[in-house]
PDB file of N, CA and C in Angstrom:
ATOM      1  N   MET A   1       0.817  -1.188   0.000  1.00  0.00           N
ATOM      2  CA  MET A   1       0.000   0.000   0.000  1.00  0.00           C
ATOM      3  C   MET A   1       0.868   1.263   0.000  1.00  0.00           C
ATOM      4  N   LEU A   2       1.933   1.256   0.782  1.00  0.00           N
ATOM      5  CA  LEU A   2       2.804   2.424   0.828  1.00  0.00           C
ATOM      6  C   LEU A   2       3.476   2.672  -0.516  1.00  0.00           C
ATOM      7  N   LEU A   3       3.844   1.598  -1.208  1.00  0.00           N
ATOM      8  CA  LEU A   3       4.435   1.757  -2.527  1.00  0.00           C
ATOM      9  C   LEU A   3       3.435   2.370  -3.496  1.00  0.00           C
ATOM     10  N   ARG A   4       2.192   1.904  -3.445  1.00  0.00           N
ATOM     11  CA  ARG A   4       1.163   2.461  -4.319  1.00  0.00           C
ATOM     12  C   ARG A   4       0.926   3.936  -4.023  1.00  0.00           C
ATOM     13  N   ILE A   5       0.859   4.269  -2.749  1.00  0.00           N
ATOM     14  CA  ILE A   5       0.648   5.667  -2.375  1.00  0.00           C
ATOM     15  C   ILE A   5       1.839   6.523  -2.807  1.00  0.00           C
ATOM     16  N   GLY A   6       3.049   5.990  -2.681  1.00  0.00           N
ATOM     17  CA  GLY A   6       4.235   6.720  -3.114  1.00  0.00           C
ATOM     18  C   GLY A   6       4.236   6.991  -4.603  1.00  0.00           C
ATOM     19  N   VAL A   7       3.918   5.984  -5.397  1.00  0.00           N
ATOM     20  CA  VAL A   7       3.887   6.165  -6.852  1.00  0.00           C
ATOM     21  C   VAL A   7       2.745   7.112  -7.233  1.00  0.00           C
ATOM     22  N   PHE A   8       1.602   6.994  -6.564  1.00  0.00           N
ATOM     23  CA  PHE A   8       0.477   7.884  -6.821  1.00  0.00           C
ATOM     24  C   PHE A   8       0.847   9.330  -6.487  1.00  0.00           C
ATOM     25  N   SER A   9       1.543   9.533  -5.384  1.00  0.00           N
ATOM     26  CA  SER A   9       1.994  10.876  -5.007  1.00  0.00           C
ATOM     27  C   SER A   9       2.980  11.436  -6.026  1.00  0.00           C
ATOM     28  N   TYR A  10       3.861  10.581  -6.533  1.00  0.00           N
ATOM     29  CA  TYR A  10       4.810  11.016  -7.553  1.00  0.00           C
ATOM     30  C   TYR A  10       4.081  11.431  -8.829  1.00  0.00           C
ATOM     31  N   CYS A  11       3.045  10.703  -9.203  1.00  0.00           N
ATOM     32  CA  CYS A  11       2.269  11.066 -10.391  1.00  0.00           C
ATOM     33  C   CYS A  11       1.594  12.418 -10.198  1.00  0.00           C
ATOM     34  N   ILE A  12       1.054  12.657  -9.007  1.00  0.00           N
ATOM     35  CA  ILE A  12       0.443  13.953  -8.729  1.00  0.00           C
ATOM     36  C   ILE A  12       1.503  15.046  -8.779  1.00  0.00           C
ATOM     37  N   TRP A  13       2.700  14.760  -8.256  1.00  0.00           N
ATOM     38  CA  TRP A  13       3.799  15.720  -8.266  1.00  0.00           C
ATOM     39  C   TRP A  13       4.176  16.096  -9.704  1.00  0.00           C
ATOM     40  N   ILE A  14       4.213  15.120 -10.595  1.00  0.00           N
ATOM     41  CA  ILE A  14       4.535  15.384 -12.001  1.00  0.00           C
ATOM     42  C   ILE A  14       3.478  16.290 -12.618  1.00  0.00           C
ATOM     43  N   VAL A  15       2.209  16.014 -12.322  1.00  0.00           N
ATOM     44  CA  VAL A  15       1.133  16.823 -12.882  1.00  0.00           C
ATOM     45  C   VAL A  15       1.185  18.245 -12.323  1.00  0.00           C
ATOM     46  N   VAL A  16       1.482  18.380 -11.029  1.00  0.00           N
ATOM     47  CA  VAL A  16       1.537  19.710 -10.408  1.00  0.00           C
ATOM     48  C   VAL A  16       2.683  20.536 -10.979  1.00  0.00           C
ATOM     49  N   LEU A  17       3.824  19.917 -11.155  1.00  0.00           N
ATOM     50  CA  LEU A  17       4.978  20.660 -11.673  1.00  0.00           C
ATOM     51  C   LEU A  17       4.842  21.006 -13.147  1.00  0.00           C
ATOM     52  N   GLY A  18       3.968  20.332 -13.848  1.00  0.00           N
ATOM     53  CA  GLY A  18       3.759  20.656 -15.246  1.00  0.00           C
ATOM     54  C   GLY A  18       4.839  20.122 -16.161  1.00  0.00           C
ATOM     55  N   GLU A  19       5.421  18.995 -15.824  1.00  0.00           N
ATOM     56  CA  GLU A  19       6.439  18.413 -16.690  1.00  0.00           C
ATOM     57  C   GLU A  19       5.784  17.850 -17.944  1.00  0.00           C
ATOM     58  N   ASP A  20       6.589  17.341 -18.843  1.00  0.00           N
ATOM     59  CA  ASP A  20       6.084  16.882 -20.135  1.00  0.00           C
ATOM     60  C   ASP A  20       5.331  15.565 -20.076  1.00  0.00           C
ATOM     61  N   ASN A  21       5.395  14.858 -18.977  1.00  0.00           N
ATOM     62  CA  ASN A  21       4.781  13.535 -18.895  1.00  0.00           C
ATOM     63  C   ASN A  21       3.422  13.575 -18.213  1.00  0.00           C
ATOM     64  N   LYS A  22       2.607  14.596 -18.464  1.00  0.00           N
ATOM     65  CA  LYS A  22       1.306  14.715 -17.812  1.00  0.00           C
ATOM     66  C   LYS A  22       0.374  13.573 -18.178  1.00  0.00           C
ATOM     67  N   ILE A  23       0.366  13.184 -19.422  1.00  0.00           N
ATOM     68  CA  ILE A  23      -0.545  12.127 -19.858  1.00  0.00           C
ATOM     69  C   ILE A  23      -0.158  10.808 -19.221  1.00  0.00           C
ATOM     70  N   LEU A  24       1.128  10.498 -19.233  1.00  0.00           N
ATOM     71  CA  LEU A  24       1.598   9.263 -18.609  1.00  0.00           C
ATOM     72  C   LEU A  24       1.325   9.267 -17.108  1.00  0.00           C
ATOM     73  N   ALA A  25       1.549  10.393 -16.458  1.00  0.00           N
ATOM     74  CA  ALA A  25       1.288  10.488 -15.026  1.00  0.00           C
ATOM     75  C   ALA A  25      -0.197  10.324 -14.728  1.00  0.00           C
ATOM     76  N   GLY A  26      -1.036  10.880 -15.562  1.00  0.00           N
ATOM     77  CA  GLY A  26      -2.476  10.731 -15.378  1.00  0.00           C
ATOM     78  C   GLY A  26      -2.934   9.300 -15.537  1.00  0.00           C
ATOM     79  N   ILE A  27      -2.393   8.615 -16.537  1.00  0.00           N
ATOM     80  CA  ILE A  27      -2.757   7.211 -16.763  1.00  0.00           C
ATOM     81  C   ILE A  27      -2.279   6.337 -15.612  1.00  0.00           C
ATOM     82  N   ILE A  28      -1.039   6.508 -15.194  1.00  0.00           N
ATOM     83  CA  ILE A  28      -0.508   5.705 -14.090  1.00  0.00           C
ATOM     84  C   ILE A  28      -1.243   6.030 -12.793  1.00  0.00           C
ATOM     85  N   GLY A  29      -1.490   7.307 -12.539  1.00  0.00           N
ATOM     86  CA  GLY A  29      -2.196   7.700 -11.324  1.00  0.00           C
ATOM     87  C   GLY A  29      -3.605   7.150 -11.264  1.00  0.00           C
ATOM     88  N   SER A  30      -4.332   7.212 -12.368  1.00  0.00           N
ATOM     89  CA  SER A  30      -5.691   6.672 -12.366  1.00  0.00           C
ATOM     90  C   SER A  30      -5.688   5.153 -12.224  1.00  0.00           C
ATOM     91  N   ALA A  31      -4.719   4.476 -12.829  1.00  0.00           N
ATOM     92  CA  ALA A  31      -4.629   3.026 -12.674  1.00  0.00           C
ATOM     93  C   ALA A  31      -4.329   2.644 -11.227  1.00  0.00           C
ATOM     94  N   ILE A  32      -3.446   3.390 -10.586  1.00  0.00           N
ATOM     95  CA  ILE A  32      -3.120   3.098  -9.186  1.00  0.00           C
ATOM     96  C   ILE A  32      -4.307   3.391  -8.284  1.00  0.00           C
ATOM     97  N   LEU A  33      -5.041   4.482  -8.563  1.00  0.00           N
ATOM     98  CA  LEU A  33      -6.220   4.798  -7.760  1.00  0.00           C
ATOM     99  C   LEU A  33      -7.277   3.712  -7.884  1.00  0.00           C
ATOM    100  N   ILE A  34      -7.508   3.224  -9.092  1.00  0.00           N
ATOM    101  CA  ILE A  34      -8.461   2.134  -9.286  1.00  0.00           C
ATOM    102  C   ILE A  34      -7.970   0.876  -8.572  1.00  0.00           C
ATOM    103  N   GLY A  35      -6.669   0.621  -8.623  1.00  0.00           N
ATOM    104  CA  GLY A  35      -6.114  -0.528  -7.908  1.00  0.00           C
ATOM    105  C   GLY A  35      -6.242  -0.396  -6.406  1.00  0.00           C
ATOM    106  N   LEU A  36      -6.052   0.819  -5.882  1.00  0.00           N
ATOM    107  CA  LEU A  36      -6.223   1.029  -4.441  1.00  0.00           C
ATOM    108  C   LEU A  36      -7.653   0.756  -4.013  1.00  0.00           C
ATOM    109  N   ILE A  37      -8.604   1.248  -4.789  1.00  0.00           N
ATOM    110  CA  ILE A  37     -10.007   1.019  -4.459  1.00  0.00           C
ATOM    111  C   ILE A  37     -10.349  -0.461  -4.581  1.00  0.00           C
ATOM    112  N   GLY A  38      -9.918  -1.096  -5.663  1.00  0.00           N
ATOM    113  CA  GLY A  38     -10.230  -2.508  -5.873  1.00  0.00           C
ATOM    114  C   GLY A  38      -9.539  -3.429  -4.885  1.00  0.00           C
ATOM    115  N   GLY A  39      -8.308  -3.103  -4.528  1.00  0.00           N
ATOM    116  CA  GLY A  39      -7.556  -3.948  -3.616  1.00  0.00           C
ATOM    117  C   GLY A  39      -8.088  -3.945  -2.206  1.00  0.00           C
ATOM    118  N   TYR A  40      -8.738  -2.879  -1.817  1.00  0.00           N
ATOM    119  CA  TYR A  40      -9.244  -2.763  -0.453  1.00  0.00           C
ATOM    120  C   TYR A  40     -10.763  -2.741  -0.402  1.00  0.00           C
ATOM    121  N   TRP A  41     -11.440  -3.156  -1.480  1.00  0.00           N
ATOM    122  CA  TRP A  41     -12.882  -3.088  -1.523  1.00  0.00           C
ATOM    123  C   TRP A  41     -13.522  -4.018  -0.495  1.00  0.00           C
ATOM    124  N   ASP A  42     -12.958  -5.212  -0.288  1.00  0.00           N
ATOM    125  CA  ASP A  42     -13.526  -6.132   0.695  1.00  0.00           C
ATOM    126  C   ASP A  42     -13.463  -5.537   2.097  1.00  0.00           C
ATOM    127  N   TYR A  43     -12.347  -4.909   2.417  1.00  0.00           N
ATOM    128  CA  TYR A  43     -12.195  -4.280   3.725  1.00  0.00           C
ATOM    129  C   TYR A  43     -13.189  -3.130   3.883  1.00  0.00           C
ATOM    130  N   ILE A  44     -13.350  -2.329   2.836  1.00  0.00           N
ATOM    131  CA  ILE A  44     -14.297  -1.216   2.875  1.00  0.00           C
ATOM    132  C   ILE A  44     -15.718  -1.739   3.022  1.00  0.00           C
ATOM    133  N   ASP A  45     -16.050  -2.839   2.337  1.00  0.00           N
ATOM    134  CA  ASP A  45     -17.380  -3.422   2.416  1.00  0.00           C
ATOM    135  C   ASP A  45     -17.689  -3.916   3.827  1.00  0.00           C
ATOM    136  N   VAL A  46     -16.720  -4.542   4.476  1.00  0.00           N
ATOM    137  CA  VAL A  46     -16.922  -5.024   5.848  1.00  0.00           C
ATOM    138  C   VAL A  46     -17.142  -3.854   6.806  1.00  0.00           C
ATOM    139  N   ILE A  47     -16.364  -2.809   6.654  1.00  0.00           N
ATOM    140  CA  ILE A  47     -16.530  -1.637   7.527  1.00  0.00           C
ATOM    141  C   ILE A  47     -17.900  -1.006   7.319  1.00  0.00           C
ATOM    142  N   LEU A  48     -18.322  -0.843   6.069  1.00  0.00           N
ATOM    143  CA  LEU A  48     -19.616  -0.234   5.799  1.00  0.00           C
ATOM    144  C   LEU A  48     -20.774  -1.087   6.315  1.00  0.00           C
ATOM    145  N   ARG A  49     -20.626  -2.394   6.245  1.00  0.00           N
ATOM    146  CA  ARG A  49     -21.711  -3.270   6.654  1.00  0.00           C
ATOM    147  C   ARG A  49     -21.831  -3.389   8.165  1.00  0.00           C
ATOM    148  N   PHE A  50     -20.709  -3.491   8.872  1.00  0.00           N
ATOM    149  CA  PHE A  50     -20.770  -3.809  10.296  1.00  0.00           C
ATOM    150  C   PHE A  50     -20.446  -2.638  11.215  1.00  0.00           C
ATOM    151  N   ASN A  51     -20.007  -1.507  10.694  1.00  0.00           N
ATOM    152  CA  ASN A  51     -19.644  -0.390  11.553  1.00  0.00           C
ATOM    153  C   ASN A  51     -19.986   0.950  10.895  1.00  0.00           C
ATOM    154  N   PRO A  52     -21.274   1.192  10.624  1.00  0.00           N
ATOM    155  CA  PRO A  52     -21.636   2.429   9.922  1.00  0.00           C
ATOM    156  C   PRO A  52     -21.460   3.688  10.776  1.00  0.00           C
ATOM    157  N   GLU A  53     -21.460   3.540  12.119  1.00  0.00           N
ATOM    158  CA  GLU A  53     -21.301   4.714  12.974  1.00  0.00           C
ATOM    159  C   GLU A  53     -19.929   5.344  12.803  1.00  0.00           C
ATOM    160  N   SER A  54     -18.898   4.511  12.694  1.00  0.00           N
ATOM    161  CA  SER A  54     -17.549   5.062  12.533  1.00  0.00           C
ATOM    162  C   SER A  54     -17.391   5.743  11.176  1.00  0.00           C
ATOM    163  N   ILE A  55     -18.086   5.248  10.171  1.00  0.00           N
ATOM    164  CA  ILE A  55     -18.021   5.865   8.842  1.00  0.00           C
ATOM    165  C   ILE A  55     -18.647   7.261   8.882  1.00  0.00           C
ATOM    166  N   SER A  56     -19.816   7.380   9.508  1.00  0.00           N
ATOM    167  CA  SER A  56     -20.454   8.697   9.568  1.00  0.00           C
ATOM    168  C   SER A  56     -19.628   9.664  10.414  1.00  0.00           C
ATOM    169  N   ARG A  57     -19.007   9.167  11.481  1.00  0.00           N
ATOM    170  CA  ARG A  57     -18.142  10.014  12.310  1.00  0.00           C
ATOM    171  C   ARG A  57     -16.922  10.470  11.517  1.00  0.00           C
ATOM    172  N   THR A  58     -16.319   9.559  10.774  1.00  0.00           N
ATOM    173  CA  THR A  58     -15.142   9.895   9.976  1.00  0.00           C
ATOM    174  C   THR A  58     -15.488  10.910   8.890  1.00  0.00           C
ATOM    175  N   ILE A  59     -16.620  10.716   8.217  1.00  0.00           N
ATOM    176  CA  ILE A  59     -17.039  11.645   7.176  1.00  0.00           C
ATOM    177  C   ILE A  59     -17.289  13.029   7.763  1.00  0.00           C
ATOM    178  N   THR A  60     -17.895  13.081   8.942  1.00  0.00           N
ATOM    179  CA  THR A  60     -18.150  14.367   9.590  1.00  0.00           C
ATOM    180  C   THR A  60     -16.846  15.064   9.957  1.00  0.00           C
ATOM    181  N   ILE A  61     -15.900  14.320  10.523  1.00  0.00           N
ATOM    182  CA  ILE A  61     -14.612  14.906  10.904  1.00  0.00           C
ATOM    183  C   ILE A  61     -13.866  15.415   9.680  1.00  0.00           C
ATOM    184  N   VAL A  62     -13.850  14.627   8.604  1.00  0.00           N
ATOM    185  CA  VAL A  62     -13.158  15.039   7.381  1.00  0.00           C
ATOM    186  C   VAL A  62     -13.817  16.266   6.771  1.00  0.00           C
ATOM    187  N   ALA A  63     -15.151  16.314   6.752  1.00  0.00           N
ATOM    188  CA  ALA A  63     -15.852  17.469   6.190  1.00  0.00           C
ATOM    189  C   ALA A  63     -15.561  18.731   7.000  1.00  0.00           C
ATOM    190  N   CYS A  64     -15.603  18.622   8.322  1.00  0.00           N
ATOM    191  CA  CYS A  64     -15.311  19.791   9.169  1.00  0.00           C
ATOM    192  C   CYS A  64     -13.869  20.238   8.989  1.00  0.00           C
ATOM    193  N   THR A  65     -12.948  19.295   8.858  1.00  0.00           N
ATOM    194  CA  THR A  65     -11.548  19.642   8.656  1.00  0.00           C
ATOM    195  C   THR A  65     -11.349  20.356   7.325  1.00  0.00           C
ATOM    196  N   LEU A  66     -11.985  19.869   6.271  1.00  0.00           N
ATOM    197  CA  LEU A  66     -11.860  20.511   4.965  1.00  0.00           C
ATOM    198  C   LEU A  66     -12.456  21.913   4.965  1.00  0.00           C
ATOM    199  N   ILE A  67     -13.579  22.092   5.670  1.00  0.00           N
ATOM    200  CA  ILE A  67     -14.183  23.423   5.763  1.00  0.00           C
ATOM    201  C   ILE A  67     -13.258  24.368   6.520  1.00  0.00           C
ATOM    202  N   ALA A  68     -12.640  23.862   7.607  1.00  0.00           N
ATOM    203  CA  ALA A  68     -11.718  24.697   8.383  1.00  0.00           C
ATOM    204  C   ALA A  68     -10.493  25.072   7.554  1.00  0.00           C
ATOM    205  N   ILE A  69      -9.941  24.119   6.814  1.00  0.00           N
ATOM    206  CA  ILE A  69      -8.769  24.400   5.973  1.00  0.00           C
ATOM    207  C   ILE A  69      -9.125  25.420   4.890  1.00  0.00           C
ATOM    208  N   ALA A  70     -10.303  25.277   4.291  1.00  0.00           N
ATOM    209  CA  ALA A  70     -10.729  26.235   3.272  1.00  0.00           C
ATOM    210  C   ALA A  70     -10.890  27.628   3.874  1.00  0.00           C
ATOM    211  N   GLY A  71     -11.464  27.699   5.070  1.00  0.00           N
ATOM    212  CA  GLY A  71     -11.617  28.991   5.729  1.00  0.00           C
ATOM    213  C   GLY A  71     -10.285  29.638   6.051  1.00  0.00           C
ATOM    214  N   ILE A  72      -9.341  28.843   6.530  1.00  0.00           N
ATOM    215  CA  ILE A  72      -8.006  29.360   6.835  1.00  0.00           C
ATOM    216  C   ILE A  72      -7.325  29.848   5.556  1.00  0.00           C
ATOM    217  N   ALA A  73      -7.455  29.078   4.489  1.00  0.00           N
ATOM    218  CA  ALA A  73      -6.831  29.468   3.219  1.00  0.00           C
ATOM    219  C   ALA A  73      -7.422  30.776   2.694  1.00  0.00           C
ATOM    220  N   ILE A  74      -8.736  30.942   2.832  1.00  0.00           N
ATOM    221  CA  ILE A  74      -9.371  32.179   2.376  1.00  0.00           C
ATOM    222  C   ILE A  74      -8.898  33.358   3.214  1.00  0.00           C
ATOM    223  N   GLN A  75      -8.788  33.157   4.528  1.00  0.00           N
ATOM    224  CA  GLN A  75      -8.326  34.235   5.402  1.00  0.00           C
ATOM    225  C   GLN A  75      -6.884  34.632   5.094  1.00  0.00           C
ATOM    226  N   VAL A  76      -6.042  33.637   4.877  1.00  0.00           N
ATOM    227  CA  VAL A  76      -4.638  33.925   4.574  1.00  0.00           C
ATOM    228  C   VAL A  76      -4.523  34.643   3.228  1.00  0.00           C
ATOM    229  N   ARG A  77      -5.295  34.198   2.267  1.00  0.00           N
ATOM    230  CA  ARG A  77      -5.239  34.823   0.946  1.00  0.00           C
ATOM    231  C   ARG A  77      -5.738  36.266   0.979  1.00  0.00           C
ATOM    232  N   SER A  78      -6.812  36.509   1.730  1.00  0.00           N
ATOM    233  CA  SER A  78      -7.318  37.877   1.804  1.00  0.00           C
ATOM    234  C   SER A  78      -6.364  38.770   2.616  1.00  0.00           C
ATOM    235  N   ALA A  79      -5.721  38.208   3.619  1.00  0.00           N
ATOM    236  CA  ALA A  79      -4.738  38.990   4.398  1.00  0.00           C
ATOM    237  C   ALA A  79      -3.532  39.340   3.550  1.00  0.00           C
ATOM    238  N   ASN A  80      -3.097  38.418   2.704  1.00  0.00           N
ATOM    239  CA  ASN A  80      -1.968  38.694   1.816  1.00  0.00           C
ATOM    240  C   ASN A  80      -2.329  39.748   0.782  1.00  0.00           C
ATOM    241  N   GLY A  81      -3.563  39.744   0.309  1.00  0.00           N
ATOM    242  CA  GLY A  81      -3.998  40.738  -0.663  1.00  0.00           C
ATOM    243  C   GLY A  81      -4.054  42.124  -0.053  1.00  0.00           C
ATOM    244  N   LYS A  82      -4.493  42.232   1.187  1.00  0.00           N
ATOM    245  CA  LYS A  82      -4.545  43.534   1.871  1.00  0.00           C
ATOM    246  C   LYS A  82      -3.154  44.041   2.180  1.00  0.00           C
ATOM    247  N   ALA A  83      -2.246  43.141   2.535  1.00  0.00           N
ATOM    248  CA  ALA A  83      -0.885  43.552   2.882  1.00  0.00           C
ATOM    249  C   ALA A  83      -0.125  44.030   1.643  1.00  0.00           C
ATOM    250  N   SER A  84      -0.382  43.435   0.500  1.00  0.00           N
ATOM    251  CA  SER A  84       0.357  43.826  -0.701  1.00  0.00           C
ATOM    252  C   SER A  84      -0.150  45.157  -1.269  1.00  0.00           C
ATOM    253  N   LYS A  85      -1.394  45.551  -0.958  1.00  0.00           N
ATOM    254  CA  LYS A  85      -1.937  46.809  -1.465  1.00  0.00           C
ATOM    255  C   LYS A  85      -1.414  48.009  -0.686  1.00  0.00           C
ATOM    256  N   LYS A  86      -0.916  47.810   0.508  1.00  0.00           N
ATOM    257  CA  LYS A  86      -0.458  48.934   1.334  1.00  0.00           C
ATOM    258  C   LYS A  86       0.839  49.481   0.866  1.00  0.00           C
TER     259      LYS A  86
END
């Protein structure tokens, strides 16, 4: 799993940097993502079937964290814009 995540992260890094291998990185990244989902589907199915409370708790925590990160990013961006205008 760590190897898959490492290669997937490298593919994202290639796409972010804008190197010439964007198409290859996209193909490899999507194949690895599909493999990650398929390789752990049985585990995900067991969790969803027998422990739905932890799934809803995890989704709530992740959603609140993403909202907080977005709010912080907006505040930092607006603060930087005000500081550069002075």
